[in-house]
Amino acid sequence: MIDKLKYFFKEFLPEVRGEWKKVTRPNRREVIQTTGVVVLTSFIFALYLWVADLVIRWAYEGMFKVLGL
């Protein structure tokens, strides 16, 4: 138990501090741009899935009409 505490305070925490200094944070412009990309991509995928759903529903209903069910 004591060895784990020594490791935590003498090795782990200093390594965490060193890595934390390497972290870069995005500025406001980068956050707005990436958010815009995410929103646009979400709308594109939603549109694609909506069209795919319509096509699948059309094929499904057509299949039942042909089979007379």
PDB file of N, CA and C in Angstrom:
ATOM      1  N   MET A   1       0.822  -1.196   0.000  1.00  0.00           N
ATOM      2  CA  MET A   1       0.000   0.000   0.000  1.00  0.00           C
ATOM      3  C   MET A   1       0.862   1.255   0.000  1.00  0.00           C
ATOM      4  N   ILE A   2       1.884   1.277   0.813  1.00  0.00           N
ATOM      5  CA  ILE A   2       2.778   2.433   0.892  1.00  0.00           C
ATOM      6  C   ILE A   2       3.515   2.606  -0.444  1.00  0.00           C
ATOM      7  N   ASP A   3       3.889   1.484  -1.074  1.00  0.00           N
ATOM      8  CA  ASP A   3       4.576   1.570  -2.367  1.00  0.00           C
ATOM      9  C   ASP A   3       3.674   2.201  -3.428  1.00  0.00           C
ATOM     10  N   LYS A   4       2.409   1.871  -3.384  1.00  0.00           N
ATOM     11  CA  LYS A   4       1.463   2.453  -4.351  1.00  0.00           C
ATOM     12  C   LYS A   4       1.329   3.962  -4.141  1.00  0.00           C
ATOM     13  N   LEU A   5       1.289   4.383  -2.880  1.00  0.00           N
ATOM     14  CA  LEU A   5       1.200   5.817  -2.599  1.00  0.00           C
ATOM     15  C   LEU A   5       2.468   6.545  -3.036  1.00  0.00           C
ATOM     16  N   LYS A   6       3.628   5.941  -2.796  1.00  0.00           N
ATOM     17  CA  LYS A   6       4.890   6.544  -3.230  1.00  0.00           C
ATOM     18  C   LYS A   6       4.916   6.680  -4.747  1.00  0.00           C
ATOM     19  N   TYR A   7       4.513   5.618  -5.435  1.00  0.00           N
ATOM     20  CA  TYR A   7       4.473   5.666  -6.899  1.00  0.00           C
ATOM     21  C   TYR A   7       3.529   6.763  -7.368  1.00  0.00           C
ATOM     22  N   PHE A   8       2.356   6.856  -6.728  1.00  0.00           N
ATOM     23  CA  PHE A   8       1.356   7.831  -7.140  1.00  0.00           C
ATOM     24  C   PHE A   8       1.903   9.254  -7.032  1.00  0.00           C
ATOM     25  N   PHE A   9       2.534   9.579  -5.896  1.00  0.00           N
ATOM     26  CA  PHE A   9       2.971  10.950  -5.680  1.00  0.00           C
ATOM     27  C   PHE A   9       4.321  11.263  -6.315  1.00  0.00           C
ATOM     28  N   LYS A  10       5.196  10.293  -6.451  1.00  0.00           N
ATOM     29  CA  LYS A  10       6.538  10.572  -6.968  1.00  0.00           C
ATOM     30  C   LYS A  10       6.676  10.347  -8.460  1.00  0.00           C
ATOM     31  N   GLU A  11       5.852   9.482  -9.037  1.00  0.00           N
ATOM     32  CA  GLU A  11       5.986   9.194 -10.467  1.00  0.00           C
ATOM     33  C   GLU A  11       4.733   9.556 -11.261  1.00  0.00           C
ATOM     34  N   PHE A  12       3.597   9.095 -10.800  1.00  0.00           N
ATOM     35  CA  PHE A  12       2.375   9.263 -11.585  1.00  0.00           C
ATOM     36  C   PHE A  12       1.968  10.729 -11.705  1.00  0.00           C
ATOM     37  N   LEU A  13       1.839  11.433 -10.584  1.00  0.00           N
ATOM     38  CA  LEU A  13       1.395  12.828 -10.640  1.00  0.00           C
ATOM     39  C   LEU A  13       2.353  13.728 -11.432  1.00  0.00           C
ATOM     40  N   PRO A  14       3.655  13.609 -11.265  1.00  0.00           N
ATOM     41  CA  PRO A  14       4.536  14.432 -12.109  1.00  0.00           C
ATOM     42  C   PRO A  14       4.394  14.119 -13.603  1.00  0.00           C
ATOM     43  N   GLU A  15       4.171  12.860 -13.947  1.00  0.00           N
ATOM     44  CA  GLU A  15       3.949  12.506 -15.354  1.00  0.00           C
ATOM     45  C   GLU A  15       2.649  13.126 -15.867  1.00  0.00           C
ATOM     46  N   VAL A  16       1.619  13.113 -15.032  1.00  0.00           N
ATOM     47  CA  VAL A  16       0.347  13.718 -15.424  1.00  0.00           C
ATOM     48  C   VAL A  16       0.537  15.214 -15.644  1.00  0.00           C
ATOM     49  N   ARG A  17       1.239  15.870 -14.757  1.00  0.00           N
ATOM     50  CA  ARG A  17       1.489  17.310 -14.919  1.00  0.00           C
ATOM     51  C   ARG A  17       2.254  17.596 -16.204  1.00  0.00           C
ATOM     52  N   GLY A  18       3.242  16.770 -16.498  1.00  0.00           N
ATOM     53  CA  GLY A  18       4.002  16.952 -17.728  1.00  0.00           C
ATOM     54  C   GLY A  18       3.154  16.781 -18.972  1.00  0.00           C
ATOM     55  N   GLU A  19       2.294  15.779 -18.964  1.00  0.00           N
ATOM     56  CA  GLU A  19       1.411  15.561 -20.108  1.00  0.00           C
ATOM     57  C   GLU A  19       0.373  16.669 -20.214  1.00  0.00           C
ATOM     58  N   TRP A  20      -0.100  17.176 -19.071  1.00  0.00           N
ATOM     59  CA  TRP A  20      -1.103  18.230 -19.080  1.00  0.00           C
ATOM     60  C   TRP A  20      -0.554  19.502 -19.735  1.00  0.00           C
ATOM     61  N   LYS A  21       0.731  19.741 -19.581  1.00  0.00           N
ATOM     62  CA  LYS A  21       1.353  20.921 -20.199  1.00  0.00           C
ATOM     63  C   LYS A  21       1.389  20.805 -21.717  1.00  0.00           C
ATOM     64  N   LYS A  22       1.348  19.595 -22.238  1.00  0.00           N
ATOM     65  CA  LYS A  22       1.384  19.376 -23.689  1.00  0.00           C
ATOM     66  C   LYS A  22       0.013  19.541 -24.342  1.00  0.00           C
ATOM     67  N   VAL A  23      -1.038  19.584 -23.530  1.00  0.00           N
ATOM     68  CA  VAL A  23      -2.393  19.657 -24.053  1.00  0.00           C
ATOM     69  C   VAL A  23      -2.636  21.032 -24.665  1.00  0.00           C
ATOM     70  N   THR A  24      -3.206  21.042 -25.866  1.00  0.00           N
ATOM     71  CA  THR A  24      -3.592  22.312 -26.492  1.00  0.00           C
ATOM     72  C   THR A  24      -5.106  22.408 -26.507  1.00  0.00           C
ATOM     73  N   ARG A  25      -5.582  23.579 -26.267  1.00  0.00           N
ATOM     74  CA  ARG A  25      -7.018  23.798 -26.237  1.00  0.00           C
ATOM     75  C   ARG A  25      -7.425  24.596 -27.465  1.00  0.00           C
ATOM     76  N   PRO A  26      -8.540  24.230 -28.089  1.00  0.00           N
ATOM     77  CA  PRO A  26      -8.954  24.950 -29.291  1.00  0.00           C
ATOM     78  C   PRO A  26      -9.446  26.357 -28.938  1.00  0.00           C
ATOM     79  N   ASN A  27      -9.227  27.275 -29.884  1.00  0.00           N
ATOM     80  CA  ASN A  27      -9.752  28.620 -29.662  1.00  0.00           C
ATOM     81  C   ASN A  27     -11.213  28.669 -30.105  1.00  0.00           C
ATOM     82  N   ARG A  28     -11.831  29.811 -29.920  1.00  0.00           N
ATOM     83  CA  ARG A  28     -13.261  29.959 -30.208  1.00  0.00           C
ATOM     84  C   ARG A  28     -13.564  29.655 -31.678  1.00  0.00           C
ATOM     85  N   ARG A  29     -12.729  30.140 -32.578  1.00  0.00           N
ATOM     86  CA  ARG A  29     -12.953  29.937 -34.012  1.00  0.00           C
ATOM     87  C   ARG A  29     -12.929  28.448 -34.374  1.00  0.00           C
ATOM     88  N   GLU A  30     -11.965  27.711 -33.824  1.00  0.00           N
ATOM     89  CA  GLU A  30     -11.870  26.272 -34.099  1.00  0.00           C
ATOM     90  C   GLU A  30     -13.083  25.523 -33.554  1.00  0.00           C
ATOM     91  N   VAL A  31     -13.553  25.904 -32.382  1.00  0.00           N
ATOM     92  CA  VAL A  31     -14.730  25.241 -31.793  1.00  0.00           C
ATOM     93  C   VAL A  31     -15.952  25.479 -32.669  1.00  0.00           C
ATOM     94  N   ILE A  32     -16.130  26.719 -33.134  1.00  0.00           N
ATOM     95  CA  ILE A  32     -17.284  27.040 -33.983  1.00  0.00           C
ATOM     96  C   ILE A  32     -17.197  26.277 -35.305  1.00  0.00           C
ATOM     97  N   GLN A  33     -15.997  26.219 -35.894  1.00  0.00           N
ATOM     98  CA  GLN A  33     -15.841  25.503 -37.167  1.00  0.00           C
ATOM     99  C   GLN A  33     -16.131  24.013 -37.016  1.00  0.00           C
ATOM    100  N   THR A  34     -15.562  23.394 -36.012  1.00  0.00           N
ATOM    101  CA  THR A  34     -15.774  21.950 -35.849  1.00  0.00           C
ATOM    102  C   THR A  34     -17.226  21.644 -35.474  1.00  0.00           C
ATOM    103  N   THR A  35     -17.855  22.530 -34.710  1.00  0.00           N
ATOM    104  CA  THR A  35     -19.267  22.343 -34.391  1.00  0.00           C
ATOM    105  C   THR A  35     -20.106  22.424 -35.656  1.00  0.00           C
ATOM    106  N   GLY A  36     -19.779  23.369 -36.525  1.00  0.00           N
ATOM    107  CA  GLY A  36     -20.490  23.488 -37.795  1.00  0.00           C
ATOM    108  C   GLY A  36     -20.343  22.239 -38.642  1.00  0.00           C
ATOM    109  N   VAL A  37     -19.145  21.684 -38.670  1.00  0.00           N
ATOM    110  CA  VAL A  37     -18.917  20.455 -39.437  1.00  0.00           C
ATOM    111  C   VAL A  37     -19.757  19.317 -38.868  1.00  0.00           C
ATOM    112  N   VAL A  38     -19.816  19.203 -37.556  1.00  0.00           N
ATOM    113  CA  VAL A  38     -20.598  18.131 -36.926  1.00  0.00           C
ATOM    114  C   VAL A  38     -22.081  18.297 -37.226  1.00  0.00           C
ATOM    115  N   VAL A  39     -22.593  19.520 -37.124  1.00  0.00           N
ATOM    116  CA  VAL A  39     -24.015  19.761 -37.389  1.00  0.00           C
ATOM    117  C   VAL A  39     -24.330  19.469 -38.853  1.00  0.00           C
ATOM    118  N   LEU A  40     -23.500  19.956 -39.768  1.00  0.00           N
ATOM    119  CA  LEU A  40     -23.724  19.719 -41.195  1.00  0.00           C
ATOM    120  C   LEU A  40     -23.672  18.228 -41.522  1.00  0.00           C
ATOM    121  N   THR A  41     -22.686  17.534 -40.985  1.00  0.00           N
ATOM    122  CA  THR A  41     -22.563  16.097 -41.223  1.00  0.00           C
ATOM    123  C   THR A  41     -23.780  15.354 -40.668  1.00  0.00           C
ATOM    124  N   SER A  42     -24.259  15.773 -39.508  1.00  0.00           N
ATOM    125  CA  SER A  42     -25.445  15.141 -38.923  1.00  0.00           C
ATOM    126  C   SER A  42     -26.657  15.310 -39.823  1.00  0.00           C
ATOM    127  N   PHE A  43     -26.843  16.509 -40.380  1.00  0.00           N
ATOM    128  CA  PHE A  43     -27.962  16.739 -41.289  1.00  0.00           C
ATOM    129  C   PHE A  43     -27.825  15.914 -42.565  1.00  0.00           C
ATOM    130  N   ILE A  44     -26.614  15.799 -43.085  1.00  0.00           N
ATOM    131  CA  ILE A  44     -26.397  15.006 -44.305  1.00  0.00           C
ATOM    132  C   ILE A  44     -26.734  13.542 -44.045  1.00  0.00           C
ATOM    133  N   PHE A  45     -26.262  12.994 -42.928  1.00  0.00           N
ATOM    134  CA  PHE A  45     -26.576  11.606 -42.609  1.00  0.00           C
ATOM    135  C   PHE A  45     -28.064  11.409 -42.346  1.00  0.00           C
ATOM    136  N   ALA A  46     -28.694  12.384 -41.692  1.00  0.00           N
ATOM    137  CA  ALA A  46     -30.128  12.282 -41.444  1.00  0.00           C
ATOM    138  C   ALA A  46     -30.895  12.265 -42.759  1.00  0.00           C
ATOM    139  N   LEU A  47     -30.512  13.113 -43.694  1.00  0.00           N
ATOM    140  CA  LEU A  47     -31.149  13.138 -45.011  1.00  0.00           C
ATOM    141  C   LEU A  47     -30.944  11.812 -45.738  1.00  0.00           C
ATOM    142  N   TYR A  48     -29.724  11.295 -45.702  1.00  0.00           N
ATOM    143  CA  TYR A  48     -29.419  10.011 -46.340  1.00  0.00           C
ATOM    144  C   TYR A  48     -30.278   8.892 -45.738  1.00  0.00           C
ATOM    145  N   LEU A  49     -30.355   8.840 -44.424  1.00  0.00           N
ATOM    146  CA  LEU A  49     -31.131   7.781 -43.772  1.00  0.00           C
ATOM    147  C   LEU A  49     -32.624   7.937 -44.049  1.00  0.00           C
ATOM    148  N   TRP A  50     -33.108   9.172 -44.155  1.00  0.00           N
ATOM    149  CA  TRP A  50     -34.508   9.399 -44.474  1.00  0.00           C
ATOM    150  C   TRP A  50     -34.825   8.889 -45.877  1.00  0.00           C
ATOM    151  N   VAL A  51     -33.945   9.201 -46.837  1.00  0.00           N
ATOM    152  CA  VAL A  51     -34.149   8.726 -48.212  1.00  0.00           C
ATOM    153  C   VAL A  51     -34.041   7.202 -48.266  1.00  0.00           C
ATOM    154  N   ALA A  52     -33.067   6.638 -47.564  1.00  0.00           N
ATOM    155  CA  ALA A  52     -32.928   5.182 -47.543  1.00  0.00           C
ATOM    156  C   ALA A  52     -34.172   4.531 -46.945  1.00  0.00           C
ATOM    157  N   ASP A  53     -34.725   5.126 -45.912  1.00  0.00           N
ATOM    158  CA  ASP A  53     -35.940   4.598 -45.297  1.00  0.00           C
ATOM    159  C   ASP A  53     -37.104   4.648 -46.278  1.00  0.00           C
ATOM    160  N   LEU A  54     -37.232   5.747 -47.025  1.00  0.00           N
ATOM    161  CA  LEU A  54     -38.300   5.844 -48.017  1.00  0.00           C
ATOM    162  C   LEU A  54     -38.156   4.769 -49.091  1.00  0.00           C
ATOM    163  N   VAL A  55     -36.930   4.548 -49.566  1.00  0.00           N
ATOM    164  CA  VAL A  55     -36.698   3.541 -50.607  1.00  0.00           C
ATOM    165  C   VAL A  55     -37.007   2.147 -50.080  1.00  0.00           C
ATOM    166  N   ILE A  56     -36.561   1.850 -48.877  1.00  0.00           N
ATOM    167  CA  ILE A  56     -36.819   0.528 -48.296  1.00  0.00           C
ATOM    168  C   ILE A  56     -38.319   0.328 -48.078  1.00  0.00           C
ATOM    169  N   ARG A  57     -39.001   1.373 -47.577  1.00  0.00           N
ATOM    170  CA  ARG A  57     -40.447   1.264 -47.379  1.00  0.00           C
ATOM    171  C   ARG A  57     -41.165   1.062 -48.714  1.00  0.00           C
ATOM    172  N   TRP A  58     -40.746   1.786 -49.738  1.00  0.00           N
ATOM    173  CA  TRP A  58     -41.355   1.650 -51.067  1.00  0.00           C
ATOM    174  C   TRP A  58     -41.156   0.228 -51.590  1.00  0.00           C
ATOM    175  N   ALA A  59     -39.942  -0.314 -51.451  1.00  0.00           N
ATOM    176  CA  ALA A  59     -39.667  -1.676 -51.915  1.00  0.00           C
ATOM    177  C   ALA A  59     -40.475  -2.694 -51.105  1.00  0.00           C
ATOM    178  N   TYR A  60     -40.571  -2.488 -49.827  1.00  0.00           N
ATOM    179  CA  TYR A  60     -41.304  -3.395 -48.946  1.00  0.00           C
ATOM    180  C   TYR A  60     -42.790  -3.426 -49.309  1.00  0.00           C
ATOM    181  N   GLU A  61     -43.368  -2.228 -49.485  1.00  0.00           N
ATOM    182  CA  GLU A  61     -44.782  -2.171 -49.846  1.00  0.00           C
ATOM    183  C   GLU A  61     -45.008  -2.730 -51.243  1.00  0.00           C
ATOM    184  N   GLY A  62     -44.097  -2.465 -52.163  1.00  0.00           N
ATOM    185  CA  GLY A  62     -44.214  -3.025 -53.520  1.00  0.00           C
ATOM    186  C   GLY A  62     -44.149  -4.528 -53.516  1.00  0.00           C
ATOM    187  N   MET A  63     -43.288  -5.077 -52.705  1.00  0.00           N
ATOM    188  CA  MET A  63     -43.162  -6.521 -52.606  1.00  0.00           C
ATOM    189  C   MET A  63     -44.472  -7.150 -52.128  1.00  0.00           C
ATOM    190  N   PHE A  64     -45.120  -6.538 -51.147  1.00  0.00           N
ATOM    191  CA  PHE A  64     -46.378  -7.067 -50.638  1.00  0.00           C
ATOM    192  C   PHE A  64     -47.503  -6.929 -51.658  1.00  0.00           C
ATOM    193  N   LYS A  65     -47.468  -5.860 -52.463  1.00  0.00           N
ATOM    194  CA  LYS A  65     -48.481  -5.700 -53.519  1.00  0.00           C
ATOM    195  C   LYS A  65     -48.320  -6.785 -54.565  1.00  0.00           C
ATOM    196  N   VAL A  66     -47.075  -7.064 -54.938  1.00  0.00           N
ATOM    197  CA  VAL A  66     -46.818  -8.092 -55.951  1.00  0.00           C
ATOM    198  C   VAL A  66     -47.236  -9.462 -55.415  1.00  0.00           C
ATOM    199  N   LEU A  67     -46.961  -9.724 -54.145  1.00  0.00           N
ATOM    200  CA  LEU A  67     -47.308 -11.035 -53.561  1.00  0.00           C
ATOM    201  C   LEU A  67     -48.780 -11.114 -53.175  1.00  0.00           C
ATOM    202  N   GLY A  68     -49.475  -9.988 -53.193  1.00  0.00           N
ATOM    203  CA  GLY A  68     -50.898  -9.993 -52.857  1.00  0.00           C
ATOM    204  C   GLY A  68     -51.158 -10.128 -51.372  1.00  0.00           C
ATOM    205  N   LEU A  69     -50.243  -9.692 -50.556  1.00  0.00           N
ATOM    206  CA  LEU A  69     -50.427  -9.805 -49.098  1.00  0.00           C
ATOM    207  C   LEU A  69     -50.894  -8.518 -48.474  1.00  0.00           C
TER     208      LEU A  69
END
